[in-house]
Amino acid sequence: MFVVATAGHVDHGKSTLVRALTGMEPDRWAEERRRGMTIDLGFAWTTLPSGGTVAFVDVPGHERFVPNMLAGVGPVPAALIVVAADEGWMPQSAEHLAALDALGVAYGLLAVTRSDLADPGPATAQARAEIAATSLGAVPAVAVSGLTGAGLPELRAALDRLAAHLPAPVVDDPVRLWVDRSFTVRGSGTVVTGTLGAGRLRVGDELELAGADEPVKVRGLHSLGEARPEAAAVARVAVNLRGTPRDRLGRGDALLTPGRFHHTDLVDVRLAGDPAGDLPATLTLHVGSAAVPVRVRPLGPDTVRLRLARPLPLLVGDRALLRDPGRHHVSGGVRVLDVAPPPLARRGAAAARAQVLAELDGRPDLAGELRRRRLVRAGALVRMGVPVHAEPVAGDWLADPAHWRWLGERLTDEVARHAREHPLEPGMPVDALRQRLALPDRALVEALVRPPLRIHAGRVGAASADALPEPVARAVQRVRAEYGDRPFRAPEADRLVDLGLGPREIGAAVRAGALLRLADNVVLLPDALDDAVRVLAGLPQPFTLSAARQALDTTRRVAVPLLELLDRRGATRRLPDDARIVVT
């Protein structure tokens, strides 16, 4: 199936032509049929000579119903532009064409209707000239009469050729179904319709209603009037939703693949149309089937920031248009450049932002997004429409390589600065580093730590005793000089003070592995444990505390905590009679 929207001035025969092609009545309302004028969107379909199917979205032509027309055209990849031979190019022809151009529609046909009433040549020439200057370019033209049927076979053949030239739909993309109609079916509940431009829907799928927190479930699917277990793009679909009240959604809402779209009320866009400086402060943004008031802030000559009245599920690269409803004027098409732009709080921020946007073309670019955002979660980029094919640096965080290297250098500098300012602390707290480097997650700090630095007890510091502050290192050396030949003799408390080893200094030396703490103010050199096991293993087994104290040539003040530490480490084992043995 392929889907095509009609476009053209009121009363030029769009609905008559659809009716003649399909045998179906596109005007759904009795008021439309009574007045002979399309007011809202109509839908019909037919089989082409090739066996393929074309579905029409028939749009109103009157200027009062342009928002309805835009709701039908927005999600559709091709257009059938209708011009009457006896009237030629008209104001609404121009506005509809401007809308198609603004939305970037690149595939279409020209049907010159009522060719039984006037020579179609002049109208065809003028219309083709107008269309050629837009995104549609040169389009085939067919003269037809919906009344007599003349030209209908040629138009069907032209539609077949148009279908063959359309790009293949991407059925693996996430679903974003813009709702153009919602209603209730007795016994089934809420049903919504729309044009499925990408992805695939299946009965039983769980979707997300844009702007709502709760999921919705697909109870049933219809396409071309038939129930189907699944539908793939491009297709007109009707989706029956389980347990969703009718008043929860309507035209302009969207059904989404969960977790794949960023809901935003602030976007930076490139404008094709009126100069940015000439735009009024408020306009209406038309995207998909949605029409949302926006406030406009010019940034550069062709770039603006839009503040939306309500969030929409937008992606980088989306096409939309801005319209001034008061003047019935299409101000221009827009291409979404950024769906999560930075704030503009400082003087000159808007001009700086304009320079950044001048380099963007609306095509998703992972390297560019990383360069601009520096650090960003992979899931956030996916929801913006940016494909992710890079390895995270921590968790699901992605980083610009140059910025990541700079952060690593900054971390080393900050740890060194902290060590100079706080020489007795066992390193810089991870959370303090996170704040100093302005990182959003402590996992990023941990991922930046590289040897010779290490993380211990929530702090980042040097991994060896070589990094001890000079006064502490000198004090440890004096302990080694005085007690190296008496490894199981511990300096008394007053001697530790004389050596310059207070509680903080001892703590720093112990953390660095330069001293071994047995108890408060009882410290030995770090190799004392291995030496003690070797001495005790030479005693008759089992041995007593007194025998151990004498063999180690130390005092009870040292022997008791030393043996208890050896017990805890499994080097010795205490027996019921308080004797011990060395565990081999």
Protein backbone atom coordinates (compact mmCIF):
# COMPACT_ATOMS: atom_id res chain seq x y z
CA MET A 1 0.00 0.00 0.00
CA PHE A 2 1.03 3.59 -0.48
CA VAL A 3 -0.76 6.63 0.89
CA VAL A 4 -1.34 9.88 -0.98
CA ALA A 5 -3.04 13.07 0.20
CA THR A 6 -5.05 15.32 -2.05
CA ALA A 7 -4.34 19.05 -2.19
CA GLY A 8 -5.93 21.95 -4.02
CA HIS A 9 -8.43 24.80 -4.02
CA VAL A 10 -11.97 24.37 -2.77
CA ASP A 11 -14.47 23.05 -5.33
CA HIS A 12 -11.80 21.86 -7.78
CA GLY A 13 -13.09 18.32 -7.56
CA LYS A 14 -10.75 16.55 -5.16
CA SER A 15 -13.47 14.48 -3.51
CA THR A 16 -15.20 13.85 -6.85
CA LEU A 17 -11.94 12.52 -8.24
CA VAL A 18 -11.33 10.26 -5.23
CA ARG A 19 -14.90 9.01 -5.50
CA ALA A 20 -14.45 8.25 -9.21
CA LEU A 21 -11.13 6.43 -8.61
CA THR A 22 -12.25 4.34 -5.66
CA GLY A 23 -16.02 4.03 -5.82
CA MET A 24 -16.04 5.09 -2.16
CA GLU A 25 -17.51 8.18 -0.53
CA PRO A 26 -14.66 10.15 1.14
CA ASP A 27 -16.96 12.74 2.72
CA ARG A 28 -17.93 11.20 6.04
CA TRP A 29 -20.26 13.90 7.36
CA ALA A 30 -23.84 14.47 6.24
CA GLU A 31 -23.09 18.21 6.34
CA GLU A 32 -20.27 17.71 3.83
CA ARG A 33 -22.53 15.84 1.44
CA ARG A 34 -25.33 18.38 1.88
CA ARG A 35 -23.06 21.34 1.14
CA GLY A 36 -20.98 19.54 -1.47
CA MET A 37 -17.81 20.73 0.30
CA THR A 38 -15.23 18.73 2.24
CA ILE A 39 -14.87 20.01 5.80
CA ASP A 40 -12.77 17.32 7.47
CA LEU A 41 -10.46 14.56 6.35
CA GLY A 42 -11.87 11.76 4.23
CA PHE A 43 -10.40 8.33 3.51
CA ALA A 44 -10.78 5.92 0.59
CA TRP A 45 -8.69 3.35 -1.26
CA THR A 46 -8.52 1.36 -4.47
CA THR A 47 -6.49 -1.27 -6.28
CA LEU A 48 -4.14 -0.06 -9.01
CA PRO A 49 -3.45 -1.84 -12.34
CA SER A 50 -0.27 -3.35 -10.89
CA GLY A 51 -2.26 -4.98 -8.10
CA GLY A 52 -0.95 -2.56 -5.49
CA THR A 53 -3.20 -0.47 -3.30
CA VAL A 54 -3.37 3.29 -2.99
CA ALA A 55 -5.09 4.89 0.01
CA PHE A 56 -6.23 8.49 -0.27
CA VAL A 57 -6.42 11.07 2.48
CA ASP A 58 -8.87 13.56 1.03
CA VAL A 59 -8.40 17.03 2.50
CA PRO A 60 -10.66 20.10 2.57
CA GLY A 61 -9.83 22.92 0.19
CA HIS A 62 -11.49 25.88 1.89
CA GLU A 63 -9.17 28.32 3.64
CA ARG A 64 -11.16 27.97 6.89
CA PHE A 65 -10.20 24.31 7.06
CA VAL A 66 -6.46 24.52 6.36
CA PRO A 67 -5.62 23.09 9.83
CA ASN A 68 -7.66 20.01 8.91
CA MET A 69 -5.84 19.80 5.58
CA LEU A 70 -2.45 19.99 7.32
CA ALA A 71 -3.44 17.24 9.76
CA GLY A 72 -4.00 14.94 6.79
CA VAL A 73 -0.94 15.93 4.78
CA GLY A 74 1.58 15.97 7.64
CA PRO A 75 2.32 12.22 7.93
CA VAL A 76 1.79 11.39 4.21
CA PRO A 77 4.76 10.85 1.82
CA ALA A 78 3.08 11.87 -1.49
CA ALA A 79 0.47 14.30 -2.79
CA LEU A 80 -2.09 14.42 -5.57
CA ILE A 81 -2.47 18.09 -6.44
CA VAL A 82 -5.80 18.89 -8.03
CA VAL A 83 -6.40 21.95 -10.22
CA ALA A 84 -9.59 22.62 -12.19
CA ALA A 85 -9.09 23.25 -15.90
CA ASP A 86 -11.83 25.91 -15.99
CA GLU A 87 -10.46 27.95 -13.06
CA GLY A 88 -6.72 27.28 -13.06
CA TRP A 89 -4.37 28.20 -10.25
CA MET A 90 -6.18 29.68 -7.22
CA PRO A 91 -5.24 31.10 -3.79
CA GLN A 92 -5.85 27.84 -1.93
CA SER A 93 -3.85 25.99 -4.57
CA ALA A 94 -0.93 28.22 -3.63
CA GLU A 95 -1.38 27.79 0.14
CA HIS A 96 -1.69 24.01 -0.13
CA LEU A 97 1.42 23.89 -2.33
CA ALA A 98 3.28 26.10 0.15
CA ALA A 99 2.33 23.66 2.90
CA LEU A 100 3.57 20.66 0.90
CA ASP A 101 6.81 22.50 0.15
CA ALA A 102 7.24 23.46 3.80
CA LEU A 103 6.80 19.84 4.86
CA GLY A 104 9.35 18.72 2.27
CA VAL A 105 6.96 16.47 0.35
CA ALA A 106 9.00 15.33 -2.65
CA TYR A 107 6.66 12.99 -4.53
CA GLY A 108 3.46 13.91 -6.28
CA LEU A 109 1.16 14.09 -9.28
CA LEU A 110 -0.87 16.85 -10.87
CA ALA A 111 -4.46 16.05 -11.81
CA VAL A 112 -6.18 18.70 -13.93
CA THR A 113 -9.88 18.10 -13.31
CA ARG A 114 -12.98 19.27 -15.16
CA SER A 115 -11.05 18.88 -18.41
CA ASP A 116 -14.43 18.24 -20.06
CA LEU A 117 -15.34 21.90 -19.35
CA ALA A 118 -12.20 23.67 -20.57
CA ASP A 119 -8.90 23.12 -22.33
CA PRO A 120 -6.61 21.66 -19.63
CA GLY A 121 -3.45 22.99 -21.32
CA PRO A 122 -3.21 26.49 -19.74
CA ALA A 123 -4.07 25.26 -16.24
CA THR A 124 -1.58 22.40 -16.60
CA ALA A 125 1.24 24.70 -17.72
CA GLN A 126 0.66 27.22 -14.94
CA ALA A 127 0.30 24.56 -12.23
CA ARG A 128 3.42 22.68 -13.30
CA ALA A 129 5.41 25.91 -13.27
CA GLU A 130 4.26 26.69 -9.74
CA ILE A 131 4.95 23.14 -8.51
CA ALA A 132 8.38 22.94 -10.16
CA ALA A 133 9.68 25.68 -7.86
CA THR A 134 8.98 23.60 -4.73
CA SER A 135 10.22 20.42 -3.10
CA LEU A 136 8.02 18.43 -5.49
CA GLY A 137 9.92 19.57 -8.57
CA ALA A 138 8.73 18.45 -11.99
CA VAL A 139 5.64 16.28 -11.60
CA PRO A 140 3.67 14.24 -14.14
CA ALA A 141 0.32 15.75 -15.12
CA VAL A 142 -2.88 13.99 -16.15
CA ALA A 143 -6.02 15.67 -17.49
CA VAL A 144 -9.15 14.01 -16.09
CA SER A 145 -12.85 14.40 -15.64
CA GLY A 146 -14.43 12.95 -12.55
CA LEU A 147 -17.82 13.34 -14.20
CA THR A 148 -17.16 11.54 -17.50
CA GLY A 149 -14.32 9.29 -16.37
CA ALA A 150 -11.97 10.62 -19.06
CA GLY A 151 -8.32 10.26 -18.08
CA LEU A 152 -8.95 8.00 -15.08
CA PRO A 153 -7.06 5.02 -16.58
CA GLU A 154 -4.09 7.30 -17.26
CA LEU A 155 -4.29 8.66 -13.71
CA ARG A 156 -4.31 5.14 -12.27
CA ALA A 157 -1.25 4.26 -14.34
CA ALA A 158 0.47 7.46 -13.17
CA LEU A 159 -0.30 6.55 -9.55
CA ASP A 160 1.28 3.14 -10.15
CA ARG A 161 4.43 4.82 -11.47
CA LEU A 162 4.47 7.19 -8.49
CA ALA A 163 4.23 4.27 -6.08
CA ALA A 164 7.19 2.58 -7.77
CA HIS A 165 9.36 5.66 -7.18
CA LEU A 166 8.59 6.13 -3.50
CA PRO A 167 11.42 5.18 -1.11
CA ALA A 168 10.96 1.87 0.67
CA PRO A 169 9.41 2.32 4.11
CA VAL A 170 11.54 1.53 7.16
CA VAL A 171 9.55 -1.15 8.97
CA ASP A 172 12.18 -1.61 11.70
CA ASP A 173 11.90 1.99 12.91
CA PRO A 174 9.95 2.81 16.06
CA VAL A 175 6.27 3.59 15.62
CA ARG A 176 5.00 7.14 15.79
CA LEU A 177 1.38 7.09 14.66
CA TRP A 178 -0.08 10.59 14.53
CA VAL A 179 -3.79 10.36 15.31
CA ASP A 180 -6.05 12.12 12.80
CA ARG A 181 -9.37 10.70 14.03
CA SER A 182 -10.69 9.03 17.19
CA PHE A 183 -14.08 7.53 17.91
CA THR A 184 -15.85 4.81 19.87
CA VAL A 185 -17.16 1.53 18.47
CA ARG A 186 -19.87 -0.14 20.50
CA GLY A 187 -18.52 -3.33 22.03
CA SER A 188 -14.90 -2.50 21.10
CA GLY A 189 -14.09 0.80 22.76
CA THR A 190 -11.80 3.54 21.54
CA VAL A 191 -10.48 3.46 17.97
CA VAL A 192 -7.96 5.87 16.46
CA THR A 193 -6.83 6.20 12.85
CA GLY A 194 -3.69 7.53 11.24
CA THR A 195 -1.06 7.04 8.59
CA LEU A 196 1.65 4.61 9.71
CA GLY A 197 4.73 6.14 8.11
CA ALA A 198 7.36 3.86 9.65
CA GLY A 199 7.57 0.77 11.82
CA ARG A 200 5.17 -2.09 12.39
CA LEU A 201 2.09 -2.56 14.56
CA ARG A 202 0.82 -5.86 15.92
CA VAL A 203 -2.21 -6.87 17.91
CA GLY A 204 -1.10 -7.11 21.53
CA ASP A 205 1.60 -4.44 21.21
CA GLU A 206 2.04 -2.10 24.13
CA LEU A 207 2.42 1.51 23.05
CA GLU A 208 2.87 4.84 24.74
CA LEU A 209 0.43 7.71 24.43
CA ALA A 210 2.44 10.87 23.84
CA GLY A 211 2.32 13.08 26.91
CA ALA A 212 0.77 10.42 29.17
CA ASP A 213 2.51 8.21 31.71
CA GLU A 214 0.47 5.04 31.33
CA PRO A 215 0.85 2.55 28.47
CA VAL A 216 -1.89 1.65 26.01
CA LYS A 217 -2.42 -1.76 24.45
CA VAL A 218 -3.44 -2.62 20.89
CA ARG A 219 -6.63 -4.68 21.08
CA GLY A 220 -7.22 -4.86 17.33
CA LEU A 221 -5.99 -3.53 13.99
CA HIS A 222 -7.84 -2.67 10.80
CA SER A 223 -6.41 -1.58 7.48
CA LEU A 224 -8.42 -0.98 4.31
CA GLY A 225 -11.55 -2.05 6.15
CA GLU A 226 -10.25 -5.48 7.20
CA ALA A 227 -9.09 -6.82 10.55
CA ARG A 228 -5.39 -7.71 10.51
CA PRO A 229 -2.97 -9.23 13.02
CA GLU A 230 -0.32 -6.69 12.03
CA ALA A 231 0.27 -3.69 9.77
CA ALA A 232 3.56 -2.40 8.39
CA ALA A 233 4.42 1.02 6.99
CA VAL A 234 3.30 2.70 4.87
CA ALA A 235 -0.39 2.12 5.65
CA ARG A 236 -3.62 3.67 6.74
CA VAL A 237 -4.54 1.96 10.00
CA ALA A 238 -7.31 1.93 12.57
CA VAL A 239 -6.14 0.91 16.03
CA ASN A 240 -8.53 -0.37 18.68
CA LEU A 241 -7.09 0.45 22.11
CA ARG A 242 -7.86 -1.67 25.15
CA GLY A 243 -9.14 0.19 28.20
CA THR A 244 -8.38 3.70 26.92
CA PRO A 245 -11.22 6.22 27.34
CA ARG A 246 -12.25 8.11 24.23
CA ASP A 247 -11.62 11.49 25.87
CA ARG A 248 -7.97 10.64 26.56
CA LEU A 249 -6.79 11.22 23.01
CA GLY A 250 -7.74 12.89 19.76
CA ARG A 251 -6.32 14.51 16.65
CA GLY A 252 -2.77 15.68 17.19
CA ASP A 253 -1.92 13.00 19.75
CA ALA A 254 0.46 10.18 18.86
CA LEU A 255 0.91 6.50 19.65
CA LEU A 256 4.57 5.65 20.17
CA THR A 257 6.97 2.78 20.62
CA PRO A 258 7.76 3.06 24.36
CA GLY A 259 11.03 4.74 25.30
CA ARG A 260 11.97 5.76 21.77
CA PHE A 261 10.84 9.39 21.61
CA HIS A 262 11.78 12.57 23.45
CA HIS A 263 8.79 14.65 24.52
CA THR A 264 9.82 18.27 24.26
CA ASP A 265 8.29 21.70 24.45
CA LEU A 266 11.48 23.48 23.35
CA VAL A 267 13.17 23.00 19.97
CA ASP A 268 15.71 24.78 17.80
CA VAL A 269 14.82 24.69 14.11
CA ARG A 270 15.99 25.90 10.72
CA LEU A 271 13.42 27.94 8.85
CA ALA A 272 12.84 27.86 5.10
CA GLY A 273 10.50 30.69 4.21
CA ASP A 274 10.07 34.09 5.82
CA PRO A 275 13.25 35.53 7.41
CA ALA A 276 13.47 34.66 11.09
CA GLY A 277 13.49 38.33 12.08
CA ASP A 278 10.18 38.96 10.30
CA LEU A 279 8.22 36.26 12.12
CA PRO A 280 5.56 37.28 14.62
CA ALA A 281 6.09 36.35 18.26
CA THR A 282 3.42 33.63 18.15
CA LEU A 283 2.59 31.15 15.40
CA THR A 284 1.14 27.66 15.06
CA LEU A 285 3.43 24.70 14.52
CA HIS A 286 1.97 21.92 12.37
CA VAL A 287 3.73 18.54 12.60
CA GLY A 288 2.17 15.17 11.91
CA SER A 289 -1.50 15.71 12.69
CA ALA A 290 -0.75 18.13 15.53
CA ALA A 291 -1.26 21.88 15.54
CA VAL A 292 0.36 23.56 18.55
CA PRO A 293 0.75 27.28 19.34
CA VAL A 294 4.40 28.30 19.71
CA ARG A 295 6.34 31.32 20.85
CA VAL A 296 9.11 32.26 18.44
CA ARG A 297 12.58 33.48 19.41
CA PRO A 298 14.84 34.31 16.45
CA LEU A 299 18.44 33.17 16.85
CA GLY A 300 20.09 33.56 13.45
CA PRO A 301 18.94 34.66 9.99
CA ASP A 302 17.26 31.29 9.39
CA THR A 303 17.21 29.67 12.84
CA VAL A 304 14.68 30.11 15.63
CA ARG A 305 13.83 28.64 19.00
CA LEU A 306 10.24 27.50 19.46
CA ARG A 307 8.53 27.20 22.83
CA LEU A 308 5.58 24.82 22.34
CA ALA A 309 2.32 25.18 24.23
CA ARG A 310 2.44 21.43 24.94
CA PRO A 311 5.19 18.81 24.55
CA LEU A 312 5.36 16.76 21.36
CA PRO A 313 7.33 13.60 20.50
CA LEU A 314 9.84 15.17 18.11
CA LEU A 315 13.08 13.87 16.59
CA VAL A 316 16.12 15.53 15.09
CA GLY A 317 15.41 15.94 11.38
CA ASP A 318 11.62 16.17 11.67
CA ARG A 319 9.88 18.40 9.11
CA ALA A 320 7.08 20.74 10.16
CA LEU A 321 5.66 24.08 9.17
CA LEU A 322 4.86 27.37 10.85
CA ARG A 323 1.61 29.08 9.98
CA ASP A 324 0.10 32.39 10.96
CA PRO A 325 -3.59 31.51 11.36
CA GLY A 326 -4.63 35.15 11.61
CA ARG A 327 -3.21 35.98 8.17
CA HIS A 328 -3.91 32.53 6.67
CA HIS A 329 -0.22 32.52 5.82
CA VAL A 330 2.34 29.70 5.76
CA SER A 331 5.40 31.36 7.28
CA GLY A 332 7.67 28.55 6.23
CA GLY A 333 8.81 25.03 6.72
CA VAL A 334 11.10 24.07 9.57
CA ARG A 335 13.58 21.29 10.07
CA VAL A 336 14.21 20.26 13.65
CA LEU A 337 17.87 20.68 14.59
CA ASP A 338 17.77 20.03 18.35
CA VAL A 339 15.00 18.66 20.55
CA ALA A 340 16.90 19.20 23.81
CA PRO A 341 18.62 22.58 23.36
CA PRO A 342 20.64 24.30 26.09
CA PRO A 343 19.20 27.30 27.99
CA LEU A 344 20.01 30.79 26.76
CA ALA A 345 20.58 32.55 30.07
CA ARG A 346 23.65 34.71 29.48
CA ARG A 347 24.16 37.80 27.39
CA GLY A 348 25.26 36.80 23.91
CA ALA A 349 24.03 33.21 24.35
CA ALA A 350 21.53 33.51 21.48
CA ALA A 351 24.20 34.69 19.03
CA ALA A 352 26.56 31.93 20.13
CA ARG A 353 23.78 29.38 19.73
CA ALA A 354 23.06 30.66 16.22
CA GLN A 355 26.68 29.95 15.29
CA VAL A 356 26.33 26.38 16.53
CA LEU A 357 23.06 25.87 14.66
CA ALA A 358 24.56 27.26 11.45
CA GLU A 359 26.68 24.11 11.25
CA LEU A 360 23.74 21.70 11.67
CA ASP A 361 21.74 20.29 8.77
CA GLY A 362 19.08 18.36 10.68
CA ARG A 363 20.62 14.97 9.97
CA PRO A 364 21.26 12.92 13.14
CA ASP A 365 25.00 12.86 13.82
CA LEU A 366 26.38 10.93 16.80
CA ALA A 367 29.88 12.47 16.70
CA GLY A 368 28.47 15.97 16.45
CA GLU A 369 25.98 15.42 19.28
CA LEU A 370 28.75 14.09 21.53
CA ARG A 371 30.98 17.02 20.66
CA ARG A 372 28.24 19.50 21.54
CA ARG A 373 26.81 17.72 24.60
CA ARG A 374 30.16 16.27 25.83
CA LEU A 375 28.39 13.76 28.09
CA VAL A 376 24.98 12.24 27.37
CA ARG A 377 23.13 9.02 28.08
CA ALA A 378 22.76 6.67 25.13
CA GLY A 379 19.02 6.34 25.76
CA ALA A 380 18.59 10.12 25.58
CA LEU A 381 20.24 10.21 22.15
CA VAL A 382 18.09 7.35 20.89
CA ARG A 383 14.98 9.24 22.00
CA MET A 384 16.21 12.26 20.06
CA GLY A 385 16.46 10.17 16.91
CA VAL A 386 20.26 9.83 16.91
CA PRO A 387 21.57 6.31 16.13
CA VAL A 388 24.04 5.12 18.78
CA HIS A 389 26.95 2.91 17.76
CA ALA A 390 29.58 3.86 20.35
CA GLU A 391 30.65 2.12 23.55
CA PRO A 392 29.61 3.85 26.80
CA VAL A 393 32.36 5.10 29.09
CA ALA A 394 30.34 4.20 32.21
CA GLY A 395 26.86 2.69 32.55
CA ASP A 396 24.98 4.06 29.56
CA TRP A 397 26.94 7.33 29.48
CA LEU A 398 28.57 8.33 26.20
CA ALA A 399 31.34 10.91 26.03
CA ASP A 400 33.05 12.98 23.40
CA PRO A 401 36.56 11.42 23.22
CA ALA A 402 38.40 14.75 23.48
CA HIS A 403 36.29 15.86 26.43
CA TRP A 404 36.79 12.50 28.16
CA ARG A 405 40.57 12.85 27.87
CA TRP A 406 40.36 16.38 29.26
CA LEU A 407 38.28 15.15 32.19
CA GLY A 408 40.90 12.51 32.97
CA GLU A 409 43.60 15.18 33.07
CA ARG A 410 41.43 17.42 35.23
CA LEU A 411 40.77 14.57 37.66
CA THR A 412 44.51 13.92 38.08
CA ASP A 413 45.13 17.62 38.66
CA GLU A 414 42.31 17.90 41.19
CA VAL A 415 43.51 14.87 43.15
CA ALA A 416 47.06 16.28 43.23
CA ARG A 417 45.78 19.70 44.35
CA HIS A 418 43.71 18.09 47.10
CA ALA A 419 46.74 16.09 48.27
CA ARG A 420 48.81 19.29 48.53
CA GLU A 421 46.09 21.12 50.45
CA HIS A 422 45.10 18.14 52.63
CA PRO A 423 48.28 16.03 52.84
CA LEU A 424 47.02 13.77 55.62
CA GLU A 425 43.68 12.83 54.04
CA PRO A 426 43.52 9.48 52.23
CA GLY A 427 42.60 11.05 48.89
CA MET A 428 39.82 13.23 47.51
CA PRO A 429 36.20 12.15 48.09
CA VAL A 430 34.52 10.85 44.93
CA ASP A 431 31.52 13.15 45.41
CA ALA A 432 33.78 16.17 45.80
CA LEU A 433 35.49 15.24 42.55
CA ARG A 434 32.12 14.82 40.85
CA GLN A 435 31.12 18.33 41.88
CA ARG A 436 34.49 19.84 40.96
CA LEU A 437 34.35 18.29 37.48
CA ALA A 438 30.62 19.08 37.10
CA LEU A 439 29.79 15.45 36.36
CA PRO A 440 26.19 14.20 36.60
CA ASP A 441 27.01 10.72 37.93
CA ARG A 442 29.68 9.42 40.34
CA ALA A 443 30.07 6.39 38.06
CA LEU A 444 31.78 8.75 35.62
CA VAL A 445 34.34 9.71 38.28
CA GLU A 446 35.05 6.06 38.99
CA ALA A 447 35.50 5.34 35.27
CA LEU A 448 38.03 8.18 34.96
CA VAL A 449 40.33 6.84 37.69
CA ARG A 450 43.49 5.26 36.22
CA PRO A 451 46.74 4.00 37.84
CA PRO A 452 48.67 5.24 39.72
CA LEU A 453 45.45 6.53 41.27
CA ARG A 454 42.94 4.24 42.91
CA ILE A 455 39.58 4.41 44.69
CA HIS A 456 39.53 3.26 48.29
CA ALA A 457 36.74 3.83 50.83
CA GLY A 458 35.05 6.40 48.60
CA ARG A 459 38.17 8.45 47.99
CA VAL A 460 40.55 8.82 45.05
CA GLY A 461 44.25 8.92 45.90
CA ALA A 462 47.68 7.51 45.23
CA ALA A 463 48.06 3.75 45.33
CA SER A 464 51.47 3.56 47.07
CA ALA A 465 53.34 4.89 50.07
CA ASP A 466 55.57 6.88 47.74
CA ALA A 467 52.87 9.53 47.79
CA LEU A 468 53.09 10.10 51.58
CA PRO A 469 53.54 13.73 52.59
CA GLU A 470 57.20 14.47 53.17
CA PRO A 471 56.95 14.98 56.97
CA VAL A 472 55.12 11.65 57.42
CA ALA A 473 57.55 9.84 55.12
CA ARG A 474 60.49 11.17 57.19
CA ALA A 475 58.83 10.07 60.44
CA VAL A 476 58.27 6.55 59.04
CA GLN A 477 61.90 6.38 58.00
CA ARG A 478 62.97 7.29 61.55
CA VAL A 479 60.75 4.51 62.94
CA ARG A 480 62.39 2.08 60.51
CA ALA A 481 65.86 3.26 61.53
CA GLU A 482 65.17 2.99 65.26
CA TYR A 483 63.14 -0.23 65.27
CA GLY A 484 64.35 -2.08 62.17
CA ASP A 485 66.46 -4.47 64.29
CA ARG A 486 63.65 -4.76 66.89
CA PRO A 487 60.66 -5.34 64.60
CA PHE A 488 58.25 -6.29 67.42
CA ARG A 489 58.97 -3.30 69.63
CA ALA A 490 56.45 -0.46 69.20
CA PRO A 491 57.26 3.18 69.98
CA GLU A 492 55.54 4.51 73.08
CA ALA A 493 52.91 7.23 72.70
CA ASP A 494 55.28 10.04 73.70
CA ARG A 495 57.92 8.78 71.29
CA LEU A 496 55.39 8.77 68.46
CA VAL A 497 54.67 12.42 69.24
CA ASP A 498 58.42 13.19 69.22
CA LEU A 499 58.66 11.51 65.81
CA GLY A 500 55.84 13.68 64.48
CA LEU A 501 53.31 10.84 64.23
CA GLY A 502 49.99 12.03 65.59
CA PRO A 503 46.68 10.23 64.91
CA ARG A 504 46.22 11.80 61.47
CA GLU A 505 49.80 11.11 60.41
CA ILE A 506 49.58 7.50 61.64
CA GLY A 507 46.31 7.11 59.73
CA ALA A 508 47.93 8.37 56.53
CA ALA A 509 50.92 6.03 56.95
CA VAL A 510 48.67 3.04 57.68
CA ARG A 511 46.47 3.73 54.65
CA ALA A 512 49.60 3.95 52.49
CA GLY A 513 50.89 0.64 53.89
CA ALA A 514 53.93 2.28 55.50
CA LEU A 515 52.93 1.29 59.04
CA LEU A 516 50.86 -1.51 60.62
CA ARG A 517 48.37 -0.48 63.30
CA LEU A 518 47.71 -3.08 66.02
CA ALA A 519 45.76 -0.85 68.39
CA ASP A 520 45.53 2.82 69.36
CA ASN A 521 49.08 4.18 69.47
CA VAL A 522 50.49 0.68 68.85
CA VAL A 523 52.17 0.53 65.44
CA LEU A 524 54.78 -1.70 63.86
CA LEU A 525 56.57 -1.74 60.55
CA PRO A 526 54.43 -3.37 57.80
CA ASP A 527 56.48 -6.58 57.42
CA ALA A 528 56.11 -7.44 61.12
CA LEU A 529 53.26 -9.92 60.55
CA ASP A 530 55.19 -12.22 58.22
CA ASP A 531 58.23 -12.05 60.46
CA ALA A 532 56.11 -12.91 63.55
CA VAL A 533 54.62 -16.00 61.88
CA ARG A 534 58.09 -17.19 60.96
CA VAL A 535 59.34 -16.79 64.57
CA LEU A 536 56.27 -18.40 66.14
CA ALA A 537 56.44 -21.35 63.78
CA GLY A 538 59.83 -22.21 65.37
CA LEU A 539 58.33 -22.58 68.83
CA PRO A 540 57.10 -25.91 70.21
CA GLN A 541 53.42 -26.16 69.29
CA PRO A 542 51.13 -25.19 70.91
CA PHE A 543 52.67 -22.12 72.54
CA THR A 544 51.51 -19.67 75.20
CA LEU A 545 51.26 -15.89 75.15
CA SER A 546 54.29 -15.71 77.43
CA ALA A 547 56.35 -17.95 75.14
CA ALA A 548 55.35 -15.86 72.14
CA ARG A 549 56.22 -12.61 73.91
CA GLN A 550 59.67 -13.89 74.84
CA ALA A 551 60.37 -15.32 71.37
CA LEU A 552 59.35 -12.04 69.72
CA ASP A 553 61.29 -9.99 72.27
CA THR A 554 58.40 -7.64 72.89
CA THR A 555 55.98 -6.50 75.54
CA ARG A 556 52.51 -7.68 76.43
CA ARG A 557 51.25 -4.29 75.05
CA VAL A 558 52.36 -5.48 71.61
CA ALA A 559 52.06 -9.28 71.89
CA VAL A 560 48.35 -9.38 72.78
CA PRO A 561 47.01 -7.34 69.81
CA LEU A 562 49.59 -8.90 67.49
CA LEU A 563 48.43 -12.44 68.26
CA GLU A 564 44.77 -11.40 68.02
CA LEU A 565 45.44 -9.96 64.56
CA LEU A 566 47.19 -13.18 63.53
CA ASP A 567 44.15 -15.13 64.79
CA ARG A 568 41.78 -12.98 62.69
CA ARG A 569 43.90 -13.48 59.60
CA GLY A 570 44.05 -17.25 60.10
CA ALA A 571 47.82 -17.41 60.59
CA THR A 572 47.39 -18.73 64.13
CA ARG A 573 44.57 -20.54 65.93
CA ARG A 574 43.65 -20.08 69.58
CA LEU A 575 42.93 -23.29 71.54
CA PRO A 576 40.41 -23.69 74.41
CA ASP A 577 43.22 -23.46 77.00
CA ASP A 578 44.33 -20.10 75.48
CA ALA A 579 47.42 -21.68 73.92
CA ARG A 580 47.91 -21.19 70.15
CA ILE A 581 49.30 -23.03 67.16
CA VAL A 582 50.61 -21.71 63.85
CA VAL A 583 48.33 -22.76 61.01
CA THR A 584 50.37 -24.14 58.14
